[in-house]
N, C-alpha and C. Protein backbone atom coordinates (compact mmCIF):
# COMPACT_ATOMS: atom_id res chain seq x y z
N UNK A 1 118.72 68.27 76.69
CA UNK A 1 117.84 68.12 75.69
C UNK A 1 116.46 68.59 76.12
N UNK A 2 115.59 69.37 75.75
CA UNK A 2 114.29 69.76 76.33
C UNK A 2 113.12 68.83 75.60
N UNK A 3 112.76 67.64 76.28
CA UNK A 3 111.77 66.87 75.79
C UNK A 3 110.51 67.51 76.21
N UNK A 4 109.46 67.30 75.64
CA UNK A 4 108.02 67.54 75.88
C UNK A 4 107.50 66.28 76.57
N UNK A 5 106.76 66.62 77.83
CA UNK A 5 106.13 65.48 78.59
C UNK A 5 104.75 65.09 77.61
N UNK A 6 104.58 63.98 77.42
CA UNK A 6 103.51 63.56 76.65
C UNK A 6 102.48 62.95 77.89
N UNK A 7 101.03 63.38 77.87
CA UNK A 7 100.23 62.90 78.63
C UNK A 7 99.25 62.19 77.98
N UNK A 8 98.90 60.84 78.39
CA UNK A 8 98.13 59.66 77.88
C UNK A 8 96.82 60.15 78.11
N UNK A 9 95.89 59.95 77.15
CA UNK A 9 94.66 59.92 76.78
C UNK A 9 93.85 58.69 77.06
N UNK A 10 93.11 58.38 78.12
CA UNK A 10 92.36 56.88 78.19
C UNK A 10 90.77 57.07 77.70
N UNK A 11 90.51 58.32 77.22
CA UNK A 11 89.23 58.63 76.71
C UNK A 11 88.83 59.48 75.89
N UNK A 12 87.99 59.35 74.61
CA UNK A 12 87.79 60.30 73.49
C UNK A 12 87.36 61.72 74.18
N UNK A 13 86.65 61.51 75.09
CA UNK A 13 85.90 62.78 75.70
C UNK A 13 86.99 63.74 76.33
N UNK A 14 88.24 63.33 76.59
CA UNK A 14 89.19 64.01 77.12
C UNK A 14 89.74 65.06 76.03
N UNK A 15 89.55 64.79 74.67
CA UNK A 15 89.93 65.58 73.77
C UNK A 15 89.04 66.88 73.78
N UNK A 16 89.40 68.22 73.69
CA UNK A 16 88.76 69.29 73.66
C UNK A 16 88.18 69.53 72.31
N UNK A 17 86.94 70.25 72.19
CA UNK A 17 86.32 70.08 70.91
C UNK A 17 86.43 71.63 70.32
N UNK A 18 86.08 71.95 69.16
CA UNK A 18 86.46 73.37 68.50
C UNK A 18 87.59 73.84 68.57
N UNK A 19 88.64 73.30 68.43
CA UNK A 19 90.13 73.85 68.56
C UNK A 19 90.38 74.27 67.30
N UNK A 20 91.24 75.26 67.18
CA UNK A 20 91.69 75.95 65.84
C UNK A 20 92.88 74.73 65.48
N UNK A 21 93.18 75.14 64.51
CA UNK A 21 94.42 74.15 63.89
C UNK A 21 95.43 74.21 64.57
N UNK A 22 95.87 75.32 64.77
CA UNK A 22 97.05 75.73 65.81
C UNK A 22 96.91 75.03 67.26
N UNK A 23 95.74 75.16 67.73
CA UNK A 23 95.52 74.43 69.14
C UNK A 23 95.67 72.92 68.70
N UNK A 24 95.02 72.64 67.72
CA UNK A 24 95.15 71.14 67.85
C UNK A 24 96.38 70.39 67.92
N UNK A 25 97.28 71.23 66.82
CA UNK A 25 98.74 71.02 66.74
C UNK A 25 99.49 71.09 68.20
N UNK A 26 99.26 72.02 69.02
CA UNK A 26 99.84 72.13 70.17
C UNK A 26 99.31 70.83 71.26
N UNK A 27 97.92 70.62 71.06
CA UNK A 27 97.52 69.75 71.81
C UNK A 27 98.06 68.06 71.43
N UNK A 28 98.17 67.95 70.33
CA UNK A 28 98.70 66.47 69.97
C UNK A 28 100.20 66.33 69.91
N UNK A 29 100.75 67.44 70.35
CA UNK A 29 102.17 67.70 70.55
C UNK A 29 102.55 67.12 71.90
N UNK A 30 101.46 67.15 72.78
CA UNK A 30 101.83 66.96 74.09
C UNK A 30 100.81 65.66 74.62
N UNK A 31 99.81 65.03 73.68
CA UNK A 31 99.11 64.39 74.16
C UNK A 31 99.37 62.61 73.00
N UNK A 32 98.97 61.99 73.89
CA UNK A 32 98.91 60.55 73.08
C UNK A 32 97.95 59.76 73.48
N UNK A 33 97.47 58.60 72.85
CA UNK A 33 96.34 57.79 73.08
C UNK A 33 96.86 56.35 73.64
N UNK A 34 95.96 56.05 74.20
CA UNK A 34 96.12 54.59 75.19
C UNK A 34 95.34 53.53 74.22
N UNK A 35 95.70 52.33 74.46
CA UNK A 35 94.80 51.27 73.73
C UNK A 35 93.24 51.45 74.50
N UNK A 36 93.05 51.76 75.64
CA UNK A 36 91.72 52.06 76.35
C UNK A 36 91.00 53.25 75.64
N UNK A 37 91.77 54.27 75.17
CA UNK A 37 91.37 55.42 74.07
C UNK A 37 90.72 54.75 72.89
N UNK A 38 91.51 53.88 72.38
CA UNK A 38 91.31 53.45 70.99
C UNK A 38 90.04 52.32 70.89
N UNK A 39 90.11 51.67 72.19
CA UNK A 39 88.76 50.67 72.36
C UNK A 39 87.51 51.63 72.53
N UNK A 40 87.57 52.87 73.24
CA UNK A 40 86.17 53.59 73.56
C UNK A 40 86.06 54.17 72.22
N UNK A 41 87.12 54.54 71.45
CA UNK A 41 86.64 55.33 70.25
C UNK A 41 85.98 54.52 69.12
N UNK A 42 86.26 53.27 69.30
CA UNK A 42 85.55 52.17 68.30
C UNK A 42 86.11 52.51 66.89
N UNK A 43 85.72 51.48 66.01
CA UNK A 43 86.35 51.57 64.76
C UNK A 43 86.05 52.81 63.72
N UNK A 44 87.03 53.13 62.82
CA UNK A 44 86.81 54.15 62.05
C UNK A 44 86.18 53.54 60.81
N UNK A 45 85.13 53.96 60.64
CA UNK A 45 84.11 53.39 59.32
C UNK A 45 84.26 54.16 58.15
N UNK A 46 84.09 53.68 57.14
CA UNK A 46 84.28 54.48 55.92
C UNK A 46 83.41 55.57 55.80
N UNK A 47 84.09 56.85 55.23
CA UNK A 47 83.36 58.12 55.39
C UNK A 47 83.54 59.00 56.34
N UNK A 48 84.11 58.46 57.56
CA UNK A 48 84.22 59.22 58.94
C UNK A 48 85.32 60.07 58.73
N UNK A 49 86.37 59.44 57.84
CA UNK A 49 87.91 60.38 57.88
C UNK A 49 87.55 61.67 56.81
N UNK A 50 88.03 62.75 57.20
CA UNK A 50 87.88 63.86 56.31
C UNK A 50 88.63 63.32 55.17
N UNK A 51 88.30 63.93 54.07
CA UNK A 51 88.97 63.93 52.78
C UNK A 51 90.39 64.36 52.66
N UNK A 52 91.27 63.66 52.22
CA UNK A 52 92.81 63.95 52.07
C UNK A 52 93.01 65.34 51.46
N UNK A 53 93.69 66.10 52.06
CA UNK A 53 94.02 67.45 51.71
C UNK A 53 94.88 67.65 50.56
N UNK A 54 94.58 68.41 49.51
CA UNK A 54 95.75 68.60 48.34
C UNK A 54 97.22 69.09 49.20
N UNK A 55 98.26 68.64 48.54
CA UNK A 55 99.49 68.96 48.92
C UNK A 55 99.71 70.56 48.71
N UNK A 56 100.18 71.10 49.81
CA UNK A 56 100.52 72.47 49.75
C UNK A 56 101.87 72.79 49.71
N UNK A 57 102.48 74.14 49.28
CA UNK A 57 103.88 74.29 49.38
C UNK A 57 104.00 75.70 50.45
N UNK A 58 104.69 75.52 51.47
CA UNK A 58 104.95 76.77 52.22
C UNK A 58 105.56 77.77 51.62
N UNK A 59 105.04 78.97 51.92
CA UNK A 59 105.53 80.49 51.39
C UNK A 59 105.61 81.52 52.35
N UNK A 60 106.15 82.31 52.31
CA UNK A 60 106.56 83.60 53.22
C UNK A 60 105.79 84.72 52.62
N UNK A 61 104.80 85.19 53.51
CA UNK A 61 103.89 86.64 53.19
C UNK A 61 104.40 87.24 54.40
N UNK A 62 104.29 88.34 54.12
CA UNK A 62 104.53 89.38 55.34
C UNK A 62 103.62 90.44 55.25
N UNK A 63 102.90 90.20 56.94
CA UNK A 63 101.55 91.45 56.95
C UNK A 63 101.95 92.16 58.20
N UNK A 64 101.19 93.33 58.16
CA UNK A 64 101.72 94.44 59.49
C UNK A 64 100.93 93.62 60.52
N UNK A 65 101.46 94.19 61.84
CA UNK A 65 100.64 93.60 62.84
C UNK A 65 99.15 93.79 63.15
N UNK A 66 98.74 94.99 62.55
CA UNK A 66 97.45 95.33 62.87
C UNK A 66 96.55 94.02 61.86
N UNK A 67 96.92 94.18 60.45
CA UNK A 67 96.38 93.00 59.55
C UNK A 67 96.35 91.48 60.13
N UNK A 68 97.53 91.13 60.59
CA UNK A 68 97.76 89.91 61.12
C UNK A 68 96.61 89.81 62.35
N UNK A 69 96.59 90.54 63.16
CA UNK A 69 95.94 90.64 64.60
C UNK A 69 94.46 90.59 63.99
N UNK A 70 93.78 91.21 62.86
CA UNK A 70 92.34 91.27 62.36
C UNK A 70 92.34 89.76 61.92
N UNK A 71 93.31 89.26 61.11
CA UNK A 71 92.89 88.25 60.34
C UNK A 71 92.55 86.91 61.60
N UNK A 72 93.58 87.06 62.58
CA UNK A 72 93.57 85.93 63.74
C UNK A 72 92.32 86.02 64.37
N UNK A 73 91.64 87.25 64.71
CA UNK A 73 90.65 87.59 65.45
C UNK A 73 89.36 87.03 64.78
N UNK A 74 89.44 87.21 63.51
CA UNK A 74 88.41 86.84 62.44
C UNK A 74 88.54 85.41 62.25
N UNK A 75 89.62 84.84 62.26
CA UNK A 75 89.51 83.27 61.94
C UNK A 75 89.12 82.47 63.43
N UNK A 76 89.58 83.20 64.15
CA UNK A 76 88.98 82.75 66.04
C UNK A 76 87.51 82.79 66.13
N UNK A 77 86.89 83.76 65.62
CA UNK A 77 85.40 83.86 65.43
C UNK A 77 84.88 82.69 64.72
N UNK A 78 85.50 82.41 63.58
CA UNK A 78 85.10 81.40 62.44
C UNK A 78 85.44 79.92 62.87
N UNK A 79 86.36 79.67 64.04
CA UNK A 79 86.62 78.40 64.66
C UNK A 79 87.61 77.90 63.38
N UNK A 80 88.44 78.68 62.72
CA UNK A 80 89.31 78.31 61.92
C UNK A 80 90.78 78.64 62.24
N UNK A 81 91.73 78.11 61.64
CA UNK A 81 92.94 78.61 61.83
C UNK A 81 93.11 79.80 60.67
N UNK A 82 94.20 80.78 61.28
CA UNK A 82 94.17 81.86 60.41
C UNK A 82 94.63 81.70 59.12
N UNK A 83 95.60 80.76 58.79
CA UNK A 83 96.29 80.44 57.83
C UNK A 83 95.23 79.69 56.69
N UNK A 84 94.10 78.96 57.26
CA UNK A 84 93.00 78.59 56.45
C UNK A 84 92.27 79.59 56.09
N UNK A 85 91.99 80.37 56.86
CA UNK A 85 90.94 81.49 56.57
C UNK A 85 91.79 82.36 55.18
N UNK A 86 93.14 82.46 55.55
CA UNK A 86 93.56 83.46 54.84
C UNK A 86 93.57 82.57 53.22
N UNK A 87 93.81 81.22 52.97
CA UNK A 87 93.85 80.52 51.93
C UNK A 87 92.38 80.61 51.26
N UNK A 88 91.54 80.78 52.09
CA UNK A 88 90.19 80.77 51.76
C UNK A 88 89.68 82.24 51.05
N UNK A 89 90.30 83.20 51.70
CA UNK A 89 90.19 84.39 51.03
C UNK A 89 90.79 84.65 49.55
N UNK A 90 92.10 84.20 49.77
CA UNK A 90 92.94 84.32 48.34
C UNK A 90 92.20 83.43 47.39
N UNK A 91 91.61 82.25 47.44
CA UNK A 91 91.02 81.26 46.40
C UNK A 91 89.64 81.96 45.99
N UNK A 92 88.84 82.62 47.14
CA UNK A 92 87.79 83.17 46.27
C UNK A 92 87.92 84.44 45.66
N UNK A 93 89.19 85.29 46.16
CA UNK A 93 89.36 86.63 45.25
C UNK A 93 89.82 85.96 44.11
N UNK A 94 90.65 85.06 43.89
CA UNK A 94 91.28 84.65 42.66
C UNK A 94 90.07 84.48 41.54
N UNK A 95 89.06 83.68 42.20
CA UNK A 95 87.95 83.21 41.21
C UNK A 95 87.10 84.42 40.62
N UNK A 96 86.71 85.27 41.47
CA UNK A 96 86.29 86.73 41.20
C UNK A 96 87.15 87.26 40.20
N UNK A 97 88.46 87.40 40.45
CA UNK A 97 89.32 88.06 39.39
C UNK A 97 89.24 87.30 38.19
N UNK A 98 89.38 85.98 38.03
CA UNK A 98 89.40 85.21 36.97
C UNK A 98 88.11 85.32 36.03
N UNK A 99 87.06 85.34 36.77
CA UNK A 99 85.69 85.58 36.12
C UNK A 99 85.62 86.97 35.55
N UNK A 100 86.17 87.87 36.39
CA UNK A 100 86.28 89.27 35.74
C UNK A 100 86.94 89.44 34.33
N UNK A 101 88.02 88.69 34.30
CA UNK A 101 88.86 88.70 33.35
C UNK A 101 88.44 87.97 32.08
N UNK A 102 87.54 87.26 32.38
CA UNK A 102 86.85 86.27 31.31
C UNK A 102 87.73 84.82 31.21
N UNK A 103 88.63 84.59 32.16
CA UNK A 103 89.41 83.57 32.38
C UNK A 103 88.83 82.05 32.32
N UNK A 104 87.67 82.29 33.20
CA UNK A 104 86.90 81.02 33.49
C UNK A 104 85.51 81.51 33.10
């Protein structure tokens, strides 16, 4: 079995900032927090937590390599995950098309 080695973090300052969603996922797959980390982080106050995300459904969409590379590059410049950026593009375009068609 190929188990990942978990690195224990003792201080919130050890967590890198400005990670993409993918980088965060990879980071937390290999890192855990200690009691010392939790003590230094302090209590989570009301309003400090991000709002819950709506449930999403995974789908398969195929892109050519050039388009995917451009999407990832732009998402990286905006400090976002490429899938997040893609969802934003689709939501914005849907809104524009619905307005044009008089749906909204």
